[in-house]
Amino acid sequence: MKRKEFLTLAGVAAAGSLFAPGSAVRDAWAGAEGKTRVTVKRFELKLRQAWGLSRGSWTTRRNCYVHIERDGIVGIGEAAPIARYNETAESAAAFIDKARPVLEGDLADYAVRFGEIDAVG
């Protein structure tokens, strides 16, 4: 299983439990009438100890915070790019911006939305 497939499956499973029929989160999200806002902030994380691999060591990591908000309901996540896959904080933020129309849709239909996000990639 590729990393992207794993993350998609894990996201669907996690969202499935939150947005399952009859769950309070799904009912609150579906009843929300405002616009969904997605915010991405890039930041540099200073590590307490150097992180090393055979290719070198690092004392900082560039990551992204991701906030999704709708009518006071807030979801907070992190995009932690992996250099091995040629990912950067900038490429992660660019992908989230590209997926923004999907993310700003009704996430109560999570199964459909994750398929749309996968298609964006």
PDB file of N, CA and C in Angstrom:
ATOM      1  N   MET A   1       0.854  -1.175   0.000  1.00  0.00           N
ATOM      2  CA  MET A   1       0.000   0.000   0.000  1.00  0.00           C
ATOM      3  C   MET A   1       0.897   1.234   0.000  1.00  0.00           C
ATOM      4  N   LYS A   2       0.642   2.149  -0.907  1.00  0.00           N
ATOM      5  CA  LYS A   2       1.419   3.375  -0.987  1.00  0.00           C
ATOM      6  C   LYS A   2       1.022   4.313   0.142  1.00  0.00           C
ATOM      7  N   ARG A   3       1.936   5.235   0.464  1.00  0.00           N
ATOM      8  CA  ARG A   3       1.709   6.180   1.563  1.00  0.00           C
ATOM      9  C   ARG A   3       0.417   6.969   1.359  1.00  0.00           C
ATOM     10  N   LYS A   4       0.194   7.446   0.145  1.00  0.00           N
ATOM     11  CA  LYS A   4      -0.999   8.248  -0.143  1.00  0.00           C
ATOM     12  C   LYS A   4      -2.269   7.426   0.063  1.00  0.00           C
ATOM     13  N   GLU A   5      -2.235   6.160  -0.374  1.00  0.00           N
ATOM     14  CA  GLU A   5      -3.399   5.287  -0.180  1.00  0.00           C
ATOM     15  C   GLU A   5      -3.653   5.050   1.303  1.00  0.00           C
ATOM     16  N   PHE A   6      -2.561   4.833   2.066  1.00  0.00           N
ATOM     17  CA  PHE A   6      -2.704   4.624   3.501  1.00  0.00           C
ATOM     18  C   PHE A   6      -3.320   5.851   4.174  1.00  0.00           C
ATOM     19  N   LEU A   7      -2.793   7.038   3.845  1.00  0.00           N
ATOM     20  CA  LEU A   7      -3.305   8.261   4.464  1.00  0.00           C
ATOM     21  C   LEU A   7      -4.763   8.497   4.095  1.00  0.00           C
ATOM     22  N   THR A   8      -5.123   8.214   2.852  1.00  0.00           N
ATOM     23  CA  THR A   8      -6.520   8.359   2.440  1.00  0.00           C
ATOM     24  C   THR A   8      -7.407   7.404   3.223  1.00  0.00           C
ATOM     25  N   LEU A   9      -6.988   6.148   3.321  1.00  0.00           N
ATOM     26  CA  LEU A   9      -7.766   5.154   4.056  1.00  0.00           C
ATOM     27  C   LEU A   9      -7.876   5.515   5.535  1.00  0.00           C
ATOM     28  N   ALA A  10      -6.766   5.950   6.129  1.00  0.00           N
ATOM     29  CA  ALA A  10      -6.781   6.341   7.542  1.00  0.00           C
ATOM     30  C   ALA A  10      -7.689   7.548   7.751  1.00  0.00           C
ATOM     31  N   GLY A  11      -7.632   8.506   6.829  1.00  0.00           N
ATOM     32  CA  GLY A  11      -8.489   9.683   6.936  1.00  0.00           C
ATOM     33  C   GLY A  11      -9.956   9.336   6.816  1.00  0.00           C
ATOM     34  N   VAL A  12     -10.277   8.454   5.882  1.00  0.00           N
ATOM     35  CA  VAL A  12     -11.669   8.026   5.718  1.00  0.00           C
ATOM     36  C   VAL A  12     -12.150   7.300   6.968  1.00  0.00           C
ATOM     37  N   ALA A  13     -11.299   6.446   7.537  1.00  0.00           N
ATOM     38  CA  ALA A  13     -11.684   5.713   8.749  1.00  0.00           C
ATOM     39  C   ALA A  13     -11.908   6.669   9.915  1.00  0.00           C
ATOM     40  N   ALA A  14     -11.000   7.623  10.087  1.00  0.00           N
ATOM     41  CA  ALA A  14     -11.141   8.585  11.183  1.00  0.00           C
ATOM     42  C   ALA A  14     -12.365   9.463  10.976  1.00  0.00           C
ATOM     43  N   ALA A  15     -12.517   9.975   9.765  1.00  0.00           N
ATOM     44  CA  ALA A  15     -13.675  10.822   9.480  1.00  0.00           C
ATOM     45  C   ALA A  15     -14.959  10.022   9.585  1.00  0.00           C
ATOM     46  N   GLY A  16     -14.894   8.759   9.211  1.00  0.00           N
ATOM     47  CA  GLY A  16     -16.080   7.907   9.280  1.00  0.00           C
ATOM     48  C   GLY A  16     -16.633   7.808  10.677  1.00  0.00           C
ATOM     49  N   SER A  17     -15.747   7.682  11.650  1.00  0.00           N
ATOM     50  CA  SER A  17     -16.232   7.584  13.025  1.00  0.00           C
ATOM     51  C   SER A  17     -16.793   8.912  13.506  1.00  0.00           C
ATOM     52  N   LEU A  18     -16.208  10.013  13.055  1.00  0.00           N
ATOM     53  CA  LEU A  18     -16.705  11.327  13.474  1.00  0.00           C
ATOM     54  C   LEU A  18     -18.009  11.696  12.783  1.00  0.00           C
ATOM     55  N   PHE A  19     -18.112  11.337  11.502  1.00  0.00           N
ATOM     56  CA  PHE A  19     -19.260  11.760  10.714  1.00  0.00           C
ATOM     57  C   PHE A  19     -20.260  10.634  10.466  1.00  0.00           C
ATOM     58  N   ALA A  20     -20.205   9.585  11.275  1.00  0.00           N
ATOM     59  CA  ALA A  20     -21.153   8.477  11.131  1.00  0.00           C
ATOM     60  C   ALA A  20     -22.573   8.972  11.373  1.00  0.00           C
ATOM     61  N   PRO A  21     -23.561   8.383  10.703  1.00  0.00           N
ATOM     62  CA  PRO A  21     -24.946   8.800  10.927  1.00  0.00           C
ATOM     63  C   PRO A  21     -25.290   8.774  12.411  1.00  0.00           C
ATOM     64  N   GLY A  22     -25.901   9.846  12.864  1.00  0.00           N
ATOM     65  CA  GLY A  22     -26.310   9.942  14.262  1.00  0.00           C
ATOM     66  C   GLY A  22     -25.247  10.509  15.184  1.00  0.00           C
ATOM     67  N   SER A  23     -24.026  10.744  14.670  1.00  0.00           N
ATOM     68  CA  SER A  23     -22.999  11.299  15.552  1.00  0.00           C
ATOM     69  C   SER A  23     -23.245  12.790  15.747  1.00  0.00           C
ATOM     70  N   ALA A  24     -22.874  13.273  16.911  1.00  0.00           N
ATOM     71  CA  ALA A  24     -23.076  14.689  17.238  1.00  0.00           C
ATOM     72  C   ALA A  24     -22.276  15.583  16.303  1.00  0.00           C
ATOM     73  N   VAL A  25     -21.066  15.149  15.927  1.00  0.00           N
ATOM     74  CA  VAL A  25     -20.235  15.966  15.038  1.00  0.00           C
ATOM     75  C   VAL A  25     -20.901  16.105  13.677  1.00  0.00           C
ATOM     76  N   ARG A  26     -21.404  14.993  13.120  1.00  0.00           N
ATOM     77  CA  ARG A  26     -22.059  15.057  11.803  1.00  0.00           C
ATOM     78  C   ARG A  26     -23.292  15.950  11.871  1.00  0.00           C
ATOM     79  N   ASP A  27     -24.098  15.779  12.924  1.00  0.00           N
ATOM     80  CA  ASP A  27     -25.307  16.589  13.047  1.00  0.00           C
ATOM     81  C   ASP A  27     -24.967  18.070  13.165  1.00  0.00           C
ATOM     82  N   ALA A  28     -23.939  18.392  13.949  1.00  0.00           N
ATOM     83  CA  ALA A  28     -23.545  19.795  14.119  1.00  0.00           C
ATOM     84  C   ALA A  28     -22.986  20.349  12.817  1.00  0.00           C
ATOM     85  N   TRP A  29     -22.140  19.569  12.142  1.00  0.00           N
ATOM     86  CA  TRP A  29     -21.522  20.043  10.900  1.00  0.00           C
ATOM     87  C   TRP A  29     -22.575  20.208   9.814  1.00  0.00           C
ATOM     88  N   ALA A  30     -23.454  19.236   9.682  1.00  0.00           N
ATOM     89  CA  ALA A  30     -24.482  19.300   8.642  1.00  0.00           C
ATOM     90  C   ALA A  30     -25.448  20.450   8.898  1.00  0.00           C
ATOM     91  N   GLY A  31     -25.677  20.784  10.168  1.00  0.00           N
ATOM     92  CA  GLY A  31     -26.597  21.865  10.495  1.00  0.00           C
ATOM     93  C   GLY A  31     -25.969  23.242  10.395  1.00  0.00           C
ATOM     94  N   ALA A  32     -24.643  23.280  10.238  1.00  0.00           N
ATOM     95  CA  ALA A  32     -23.955  24.566  10.150  1.00  0.00           C
ATOM     96  C   ALA A  32     -24.291  25.227   8.820  1.00  0.00           C
ATOM     97  N   GLU A  33     -24.519  26.520   8.878  1.00  0.00           N
ATOM     98  CA  GLU A  33     -24.942  27.226   7.670  1.00  0.00           C
ATOM     99  C   GLU A  33     -23.872  28.138   7.100  1.00  0.00           C
ATOM    100  N   GLY A  34     -22.824  28.390   7.865  1.00  0.00           N
ATOM    101  CA  GLY A  34     -21.792  29.314   7.409  1.00  0.00           C
ATOM    102  C   GLY A  34     -20.854  28.692   6.392  1.00  0.00           C
ATOM    103  N   LYS A  35     -19.949  29.512   5.916  1.00  0.00           N
ATOM    104  CA  LYS A  35     -18.951  29.068   4.944  1.00  0.00           C
ATOM    105  C   LYS A  35     -17.802  28.380   5.683  1.00  0.00           C
ATOM    106  N   THR A  36     -17.293  27.334   5.103  1.00  0.00           N
ATOM    107  CA  THR A  36     -16.131  26.650   5.658  1.00  0.00           C
ATOM    108  C   THR A  36     -14.882  27.430   5.260  1.00  0.00           C
ATOM    109  N   ARG A  37     -14.009  27.652   6.247  1.00  0.00           N
ATOM    110  CA  ARG A  37     -12.757  28.365   5.975  1.00  0.00           C
ATOM    111  C   ARG A  37     -11.583  27.430   6.241  1.00  0.00           C
ATOM    112  N   VAL A  38     -10.675  27.394   5.299  1.00  0.00           N
ATOM    113  CA  VAL A  38      -9.461  26.595   5.439  1.00  0.00           C
ATOM    114  C   VAL A  38      -8.283  27.558   5.495  1.00  0.00           C
ATOM    115  N   THR A  39      -7.481  27.431   6.540  1.00  0.00           N
ATOM    116  CA  THR A  39      -6.313  28.283   6.712  1.00  0.00           C
ATOM    117  C   THR A  39      -5.078  27.398   6.837  1.00  0.00           C
ATOM    118  N   VAL A  40      -4.031  27.758   6.119  1.00  0.00           N
ATOM    119  CA  VAL A  40      -2.764  27.031   6.194  1.00  0.00           C
ATOM    120  C   VAL A  40      -1.686  28.015   6.625  1.00  0.00           C
ATOM    121  N   LYS A  41      -0.940  27.644   7.652  1.00  0.00           N
ATOM    122  CA  LYS A  41       0.170  28.485   8.112  1.00  0.00           C
ATOM    123  C   LYS A  41       1.433  27.644   8.127  1.00  0.00           C
ATOM    124  N   ARG A  42       2.437  28.104   7.400  1.00  0.00           N
ATOM    125  CA  ARG A  42       3.729  27.419   7.414  1.00  0.00           C
ATOM    126  C   ARG A  42       4.524  27.897   8.628  1.00  0.00           C
ATOM    127  N   PHE A  43       5.285  26.992   9.216  1.00  0.00           N
ATOM    128  CA  PHE A  43       6.109  27.367  10.363  1.00  0.00           C
ATOM    129  C   PHE A  43       7.358  26.499  10.407  1.00  0.00           C
ATOM    130  N   GLU A  44       8.342  26.988  11.121  1.00  0.00           N
ATOM    131  CA  GLU A  44       9.573  26.227  11.309  1.00  0.00           C
ATOM    132  C   GLU A  44       9.604  25.711  12.736  1.00  0.00           C
ATOM    133  N   LEU A  45       9.679  24.421  12.868  1.00  0.00           N
ATOM    134  CA  LEU A  45       9.694  23.757  14.163  1.00  0.00           C
ATOM    135  C   LEU A  45      11.148  23.549  14.574  1.00  0.00           C
ATOM    136  N   LYS A  46      11.526  24.105  15.734  1.00  0.00           N
ATOM    137  CA  LYS A  46      12.886  23.920  16.244  1.00  0.00           C
ATOM    138  C   LYS A  46      12.909  22.652  17.085  1.00  0.00           C
ATOM    139  N   LEU A  47      13.734  21.720  16.695  1.00  0.00           N
ATOM    140  CA  LEU A  47      13.806  20.435  17.378  1.00  0.00           C
ATOM    141  C   LEU A  47      14.682  20.538  18.630  1.00  0.00           C
ATOM    142  N   ARG A  48      14.312  19.832  19.673  1.00  0.00           N
ATOM    143  CA  ARG A  48      15.112  19.829  20.905  1.00  0.00           C
ATOM    144  C   ARG A  48      16.461  19.168  20.680  1.00  0.00           C
ATOM    145  N   GLN A  49      16.455  18.147  19.847  1.00  0.00           N
ATOM    146  CA  GLN A  49      17.688  17.441  19.510  1.00  0.00           C
ATOM    147  C   GLN A  49      17.767  17.324  17.996  1.00  0.00           C
ATOM    148  N   ALA A  50      18.979  17.271  17.505  1.00  0.00           N
ATOM    149  CA  ALA A  50      19.150  17.092  16.060  1.00  0.00           C
ATOM    150  C   ALA A  50      18.546  15.752  15.649  1.00  0.00           C
ATOM    151  N   TRP A  51      17.900  15.755  14.504  1.00  0.00           N
ATOM    152  CA  TRP A  51      17.272  14.555  13.954  1.00  0.00           C
ATOM    153  C   TRP A  51      18.154  14.103  12.803  1.00  0.00           C
ATOM    154  N   GLY A  52      18.654  12.884  12.855  1.00  0.00           N
ATOM    155  CA  GLY A  52      19.611  12.471  11.850  1.00  0.00           C
ATOM    156  C   GLY A  52      19.255  11.192  11.128  1.00  0.00           C
ATOM    157  N   LEU A  53      19.681  11.158   9.893  1.00  0.00           N
ATOM    158  CA  LEU A  53      19.578   9.980   9.035  1.00  0.00           C
ATOM    159  C   LEU A  53      20.919   9.831   8.320  1.00  0.00           C
ATOM    160  N   SER A  54      21.027   8.819   7.508  1.00  0.00           N
ATOM    161  CA  SER A  54      22.275   8.621   6.770  1.00  0.00           C
ATOM    162  C   SER A  54      22.554   9.776   5.804  1.00  0.00           C
ATOM    163  N   ARG A  55      21.503  10.496   5.399  1.00  0.00           N
ATOM    164  CA  ARG A  55      21.663  11.603   4.447  1.00  0.00           C
ATOM    165  C   ARG A  55      22.001  12.927   5.112  1.00  0.00           C
ATOM    166  N   GLY A  56      22.002  12.991   6.436  1.00  0.00           N
ATOM    167  CA  GLY A  56      22.303  14.239   7.122  1.00  0.00           C
ATOM    168  C   GLY A  56      21.510  14.374   8.402  1.00  0.00           C
ATOM    169  N   SER A  57      21.659  15.528   9.049  1.00  0.00           N
ATOM    170  CA  SER A  57      20.899  15.779  10.277  1.00  0.00           C
ATOM    171  C   SER A  57      20.285  17.170  10.211  1.00  0.00           C
ATOM    172  N   TRP A  58      19.212  17.353  10.970  1.00  0.00           N
ATOM    173  CA  TRP A  58      18.454  18.592  10.951  1.00  0.00           C
ATOM    174  C   TRP A  58      18.154  19.038  12.376  1.00  0.00           C
ATOM    175  N   THR A  59      18.115  20.338  12.577  1.00  0.00           N
ATOM    176  CA  THR A  59      17.732  20.896  13.877  1.00  0.00           C
ATOM    177  C   THR A  59      16.386  21.602  13.786  1.00  0.00           C
ATOM    178  N   THR A  60      15.867  21.734  12.568  1.00  0.00           N
ATOM    179  CA  THR A  60      14.546  22.346  12.360  1.00  0.00           C
ATOM    180  C   THR A  60      13.782  21.540  11.315  1.00  0.00           C
ATOM    181  N   ARG A  61      12.464  21.699  11.329  1.00  0.00           N
ATOM    182  CA  ARG A  61      11.573  21.093  10.317  1.00  0.00           C
ATOM    183  C   ARG A  61      10.567  22.147   9.895  1.00  0.00           C
ATOM    184  N   ARG A  62      10.310  22.252   8.598  1.00  0.00           N
ATOM    185  CA  ARG A  62       9.271  23.165   8.113  1.00  0.00           C
ATOM    186  C   ARG A  62       7.996  22.362   7.929  1.00  0.00           C
ATOM    187  N   ASN A  63       6.941  22.768   8.614  1.00  0.00           N
ATOM    188  CA  ASN A  63       5.648  22.085   8.577  1.00  0.00           C
ATOM    189  C   ASN A  63       4.547  23.089   8.285  1.00  0.00           C
ATOM    190  N   CYS A  64       3.320  22.597   8.251  1.00  0.00           N
ATOM    191  CA  CYS A  64       2.142  23.447   8.070  1.00  0.00           C
ATOM    192  C   CYS A  64       1.098  23.099   9.121  1.00  0.00           C
ATOM    193  N   TYR A  65       0.501  24.115   9.713  1.00  0.00           N
ATOM    194  CA  TYR A  65      -0.712  23.935  10.511  1.00  0.00           C
ATOM    195  C   TYR A  65      -1.885  24.119   9.562  1.00  0.00           C
ATOM    196  N   VAL A  66      -2.909  23.305   9.721  1.00  0.00           N
ATOM    197  CA  VAL A  66      -4.106  23.423   8.895  1.00  0.00           C
ATOM    198  C   VAL A  66      -5.307  23.583   9.824  1.00  0.00           C
ATOM    199  N   HIS A  67      -6.065  24.648   9.637  1.00  0.00           N
ATOM    200  CA  HIS A  67      -7.277  24.900  10.417  1.00  0.00           C
ATOM    201  C   HIS A  67      -8.464  24.863   9.468  1.00  0.00           C
ATOM    202  N   ILE A  68      -9.487  24.114   9.825  1.00  0.00           N
ATOM    203  CA  ILE A  68     -10.740  24.100   9.073  1.00  0.00           C
ATOM    204  C   ILE A  68     -11.819  24.516  10.054  1.00  0.00           C
ATOM    205  N   GLU A  69     -12.564  25.563   9.708  1.00  0.00           N
ATOM    206  CA  GLU A  69     -13.573  26.095  10.629  1.00  0.00           C
ATOM    207  C   GLU A  69     -14.881  26.343   9.905  1.00  0.00           C
ATOM    208  N   ARG A  70     -15.961  26.014  10.598  1.00  0.00           N
ATOM    209  CA  ARG A  70     -17.302  26.282  10.077  1.00  0.00           C
ATOM    210  C   ARG A  70     -18.233  26.478  11.263  1.00  0.00           C
ATOM    211  N   ASP A  71     -18.824  27.642  11.372  1.00  0.00           N
ATOM    212  CA  ASP A  71     -19.770  27.973  12.444  1.00  0.00           C
ATOM    213  C   ASP A  71     -19.253  27.609  13.830  1.00  0.00           C
ATOM    214  N   GLY A  72     -18.009  27.948  14.106  1.00  0.00           N
ATOM    215  CA  GLY A  72     -17.450  27.705  15.428  1.00  0.00           C
ATOM    216  C   GLY A  72     -16.916  26.305  15.648  1.00  0.00           C
ATOM    217  N   ILE A  73     -17.142  25.392  14.714  1.00  0.00           N
ATOM    218  CA  ILE A  73     -16.577  24.045  14.814  1.00  0.00           C
ATOM    219  C   ILE A  73     -15.209  24.104  14.136  1.00  0.00           C
ATOM    220  N   VAL A  74     -14.174  23.734  14.883  1.00  0.00           N
ATOM    221  CA  VAL A  74     -12.810  23.876  14.387  1.00  0.00           C
ATOM    222  C   VAL A  74     -12.110  22.521  14.347  1.00  0.00           C
ATOM    223  N   GLY A  75     -11.451  22.260  13.250  1.00  0.00           N
ATOM    224  CA  GLY A  75     -10.573  21.095  13.124  1.00  0.00           C
ATOM    225  C   GLY A  75      -9.163  21.599  12.911  1.00  0.00           C
ATOM    226  N   ILE A  76      -8.223  21.047  13.641  1.00  0.00           N
ATOM    227  CA  ILE A  76      -6.832  21.479  13.535  1.00  0.00           C
ATOM    228  C   ILE A  76      -5.981  20.269  13.177  1.00  0.00           C
ATOM    229  N   GLY A  77      -5.129  20.441  12.195  1.00  0.00           N
ATOM    230  CA  GLY A  77      -4.253  19.357  11.781  1.00  0.00           C
ATOM    231  C   GLY A  77      -2.879  19.877  11.422  1.00  0.00           C
ATOM    232  N   GLU A  78      -2.060  18.973  10.966  1.00  0.00           N
ATOM    233  CA  GLU A  78      -0.697  19.316  10.620  1.00  0.00           C
ATOM    234  C   GLU A  78      -0.317  18.580   9.342  1.00  0.00           C
ATOM    235  N   ALA A  79       0.390  19.265   8.475  1.00  0.00           N
ATOM    236  CA  ALA A  79       0.962  18.627   7.296  1.00  0.00           C
ATOM    237  C   ALA A  79       2.467  18.595   7.525  1.00  0.00           C
ATOM    238  N   ALA A  80       3.005  17.410   7.739  1.00  0.00           N
ATOM    239  CA  ALA A  80       4.431  17.243   8.018  1.00  0.00           C
ATOM    240  C   ALA A  80       5.096  16.608   6.796  1.00  0.00           C
ATOM    241  N   PRO A  81       5.628  17.426   5.904  1.00  0.00           N
ATOM    242  CA  PRO A  81       6.210  16.916   4.664  1.00  0.00           C
ATOM    243  C   PRO A  81       7.403  15.993   4.924  1.00  0.00           C
ATOM    244  N   ILE A  82       7.583  15.040   4.034  1.00  0.00           N
ATOM    245  CA  ILE A  82       8.691  14.094   4.136  1.00  0.00           C
ATOM    246  C   ILE A  82       9.606  14.305   2.931  1.00  0.00           C
ATOM    247  N   ALA A  83      10.843  14.688   3.204  1.00  0.00           N
ATOM    248  CA  ALA A  83      11.797  15.004   2.138  1.00  0.00           C
ATOM    249  C   ALA A  83      12.035  13.811   1.216  1.00  0.00           C
ATOM    250  N   ARG A  84      11.975  12.609   1.745  1.00  0.00           N
ATOM    251  CA  ARG A  84      12.202  11.403   0.938  1.00  0.00           C
ATOM    252  C   ARG A  84      11.244  11.341  -0.253  1.00  0.00           C
ATOM    253  N   TYR A  85      10.045  11.884  -0.079  1.00  0.00           N
ATOM    254  CA  TYR A  85       9.043  11.895  -1.145  1.00  0.00           C
ATOM    255  C   TYR A  85       9.007  13.239  -1.869  1.00  0.00           C
ATOM    256  N   ASN A  86      10.082  14.011  -1.733  1.00  0.00           N
ATOM    257  CA  ASN A  86      10.195  15.337  -2.350  1.00  0.00           C
ATOM    258  C   ASN A  86       9.092  16.279  -1.899  1.00  0.00           C
ATOM    259  N   GLU A  87       8.645  16.131  -0.664  1.00  0.00           N
ATOM    260  CA  GLU A  87       7.617  17.016  -0.112  1.00  0.00           C
ATOM    261  C   GLU A  87       8.289  18.140   0.670  1.00  0.00           C
ATOM    262  N   THR A  88       7.703  19.329   0.599  1.00  0.00           N
ATOM    263  CA  THR A  88       8.154  20.480   1.381  1.00  0.00           C
ATOM    264  C   THR A  88       6.931  21.137   2.002  1.00  0.00           C
ATOM    265  N   ALA A  89       7.164  22.034   2.950  1.00  0.00           N
ATOM    266  CA  ALA A  89       6.043  22.772   3.532  1.00  0.00           C
ATOM    267  C   ALA A  89       5.332  23.567   2.438  1.00  0.00           C
ATOM    268  N   GLU A  90       6.105  24.084   1.507  1.00  0.00           N
ATOM    269  CA  GLU A  90       5.523  24.870   0.423  1.00  0.00           C
ATOM    270  C   GLU A  90       4.671  23.994  -0.500  1.00  0.00           C
ATOM    271  N   SER A  91       5.152  22.780  -0.820  1.00  0.00           N
ATOM    272  CA  SER A  91       4.359  21.905  -1.696  1.00  0.00           C
ATOM    273  C   SER A  91       3.109  21.404  -0.975  1.00  0.00           C
ATOM    274  N   ALA A  92       3.213  21.173   0.342  1.00  0.00           N
ATOM    275  CA  ALA A  92       2.033  20.759   1.115  1.00  0.00           C
ATOM    276  C   ALA A  92       0.999  21.874   1.127  1.00  0.00           C
ATOM    277  N   ALA A  93       1.450  23.110   1.363  1.00  0.00           N
ATOM    278  CA  ALA A  93       0.531  24.252   1.371  1.00  0.00           C
ATOM    279  C   ALA A  93      -0.084  24.453  -0.015  1.00  0.00           C
ATOM    280  N   ALA A  94       0.713  24.260  -1.065  1.00  0.00           N
ATOM    281  CA  ALA A  94       0.194  24.406  -2.433  1.00  0.00           C
ATOM    282  C   ALA A  94      -0.870  23.351  -2.723  1.00  0.00           C
ATOM    283  N   PHE A  95      -0.656  22.099  -2.248  1.00  0.00           N
ATOM    284  CA  PHE A  95      -1.655  21.053  -2.459  1.00  0.00           C
ATOM    285  C   PHE A  95      -2.941  21.382  -1.713  1.00  0.00           C
ATOM    286  N   ILE A  96      -2.821  21.859  -0.484  1.00  0.00           N
ATOM    287  CA  ILE A  96      -4.014  22.213   0.297  1.00  0.00           C
ATOM    288  C   ILE A  96      -4.760  23.347  -0.390  1.00  0.00           C
ATOM    289  N   ASP A  97      -4.022  24.323  -0.930  1.00  0.00           N
ATOM    290  CA  ASP A  97      -4.675  25.404  -1.677  1.00  0.00           C
ATOM    291  C   ASP A  97      -5.389  24.856  -2.908  1.00  0.00           C
ATOM    292  N   LYS A  98      -4.768  23.887  -3.582  1.00  0.00           N
ATOM    293  CA  LYS A  98      -5.380  23.265  -4.760  1.00  0.00           C
ATOM    294  C   LYS A  98      -6.642  22.486  -4.375  1.00  0.00           C
ATOM    295  N   ALA A  99      -6.622  21.864  -3.194  1.00  0.00           N
ATOM    296  CA  ALA A  99      -7.765  21.074  -2.716  1.00  0.00           C
ATOM    297  C   ALA A  99      -8.792  21.921  -1.968  1.00  0.00           C
ATOM    298  N   ARG A 100      -8.518  23.205  -1.810  1.00  0.00           N
ATOM    299  CA  ARG A 100      -9.400  24.095  -1.033  1.00  0.00           C
ATOM    300  C   ARG A 100     -10.867  24.020  -1.450  1.00  0.00           C
ATOM    301  N   PRO A 101     -11.209  24.018  -2.754  1.00  0.00           N
ATOM    302  CA  PRO A 101     -12.634  23.935  -3.120  1.00  0.00           C
ATOM    303  C   PRO A 101     -13.310  22.671  -2.578  1.00  0.00           C
ATOM    304  N   VAL A 102     -12.574  21.573  -2.532  1.00  0.00           N
ATOM    305  CA  VAL A 102     -13.134  20.332  -1.990  1.00  0.00           C
ATOM    306  C   VAL A 102     -13.258  20.436  -0.479  1.00  0.00           C
ATOM    307  N   LEU A 103     -12.206  20.929   0.177  1.00  0.00           N
ATOM    308  CA  LEU A 103     -12.205  21.039   1.639  1.00  0.00           C
ATOM    309  C   LEU A 103     -13.267  22.005   2.143  1.00  0.00           C
ATOM    310  N   GLU A 104     -13.572  23.016   1.346  1.00  0.00           N
ATOM    311  CA  GLU A 104     -14.566  23.999   1.769  1.00  0.00           C
ATOM    312  C   GLU A 104     -15.986  23.554   1.449  1.00  0.00           C
ATOM    313  N   GLY A 105     -16.138  22.354   0.901  1.00  0.00           N
ATOM    314  CA  GLY A 105     -17.461  21.784   0.671  1.00  0.00           C
ATOM    315  C   GLY A 105     -18.006  21.184   1.958  1.00  0.00           C
ATOM    316  N   ASP A 106     -19.071  20.435   1.855  1.00  0.00           N
ATOM    317  CA  ASP A 106     -19.698  19.819   3.026  1.00  0.00           C
ATOM    318  C   ASP A 106     -18.939  18.554   3.397  1.00  0.00           C
ATOM    319  N   LEU A 107     -18.117  18.629   4.433  1.00  0.00           N
ATOM    320  CA  LEU A 107     -17.301  17.489   4.834  1.00  0.00           C
ATOM    321  C   LEU A 107     -18.110  16.391   5.504  1.00  0.00           C
ATOM    322  N   ALA A 108     -19.393  16.619   5.738  1.00  0.00           N
ATOM    323  CA  ALA A 108     -20.237  15.550   6.279  1.00  0.00           C
ATOM    324  C   ALA A 108     -20.330  14.408   5.268  1.00  0.00           C
ATOM    325  N   ASP A 109     -20.129  14.721   3.993  1.00  0.00           N
ATOM    326  CA  ASP A 109     -20.086  13.693   2.949  1.00  0.00           C
ATOM    327  C   ASP A 109     -18.632  13.269   2.747  1.00  0.00           C
ATOM    328  N   TYR A 110     -17.997  12.846   3.849  1.00  0.00           N
ATOM    329  CA  TYR A 110     -16.561  12.594   3.859  1.00  0.00           C
ATOM    330  C   TYR A 110     -16.102  11.595   2.802  1.00  0.00           C
ATOM    331  N   ALA A 111     -16.853  10.539   2.564  1.00  0.00           N
ATOM    332  CA  ALA A 111     -16.413   9.511   1.608  1.00  0.00           C
ATOM    333  C   ALA A 111     -16.272  10.113   0.215  1.00  0.00           C
ATOM    334  N   VAL A 112     -17.226  10.939  -0.174  1.00  0.00           N
ATOM    335  CA  VAL A 112     -17.175  11.599  -1.477  1.00  0.00           C
ATOM    336  C   VAL A 112     -16.035  12.607  -1.494  1.00  0.00           C
ATOM    337  N   ARG A 113     -15.895  13.375  -0.432  1.00  0.00           N
ATOM    338  CA  ARG A 113     -14.871  14.422  -0.369  1.00  0.00           C
ATOM    339  C   ARG A 113     -13.457  13.850  -0.441  1.00  0.00           C
ATOM    340  N   PHE A 114     -13.176  12.750   0.260  1.00  0.00           N
ATOM    341  CA  PHE A 114     -11.839  12.175   0.202  1.00  0.00           C
ATOM    342  C   PHE A 114     -11.532  11.658  -1.197  1.00  0.00           C
ATOM    343  N   GLY A 115     -12.524  11.129  -1.897  1.00  0.00           N
ATOM    344  CA  GLY A 115     -12.326  10.719  -3.284  1.00  0.00           C
ATOM    345  C   GLY A 115     -11.995  11.909  -4.167  1.00  0.00           C
ATOM    346  N   GLU A 116     -12.640  13.046  -3.921  1.00  0.00           N
ATOM    347  CA  GLU A 116     -12.369  14.257  -4.696  1.00  0.00           C
ATOM    348  C   GLU A 116     -10.969  14.783  -4.404  1.00  0.00           C
ATOM    349  N   ILE A 117     -10.548  14.721  -3.137  1.00  0.00           N
ATOM    350  CA  ILE A 117      -9.202  15.173  -2.784  1.00  0.00           C
ATOM    351  C   ILE A 117      -8.170  14.275  -3.453  1.00  0.00           C
ATOM    352  N   ASP A 118      -8.416  12.977  -3.465  1.00  0.00           N
ATOM    353  CA  ASP A 118      -7.499  12.043  -4.112  1.00  0.00           C
ATOM    354  C   ASP A 118      -7.379  12.366  -5.599  1.00  0.00           C
ATOM    355  N   ALA A 119      -8.470  12.775  -6.225  1.00  0.00           N
ATOM    356  CA  ALA A 119      -8.462  13.119  -7.648  1.00  0.00           C
ATOM    357  C   ALA A 119      -7.669  14.395  -7.914  1.00  0.00           C
ATOM    358  N   VAL A 120      -7.615  15.305  -6.932  1.00  0.00           N
ATOM    359  CA  VAL A 120      -6.872  16.555  -7.091  1.00  0.00           C
ATOM    360  C   VAL A 120      -5.381  16.271  -7.201  1.00  0.00           C
ATOM    361  N   GLY A 121      -4.902  15.285  -6.393  1.00  0.00           N
ATOM    362  CA  GLY A 121      -3.466  14.972  -6.315  1.00  0.00           C
ATOM    363  C   GLY A 121      -2.921  14.547  -7.619  1.00  0.00           C
TER     364      GLY A 121
END
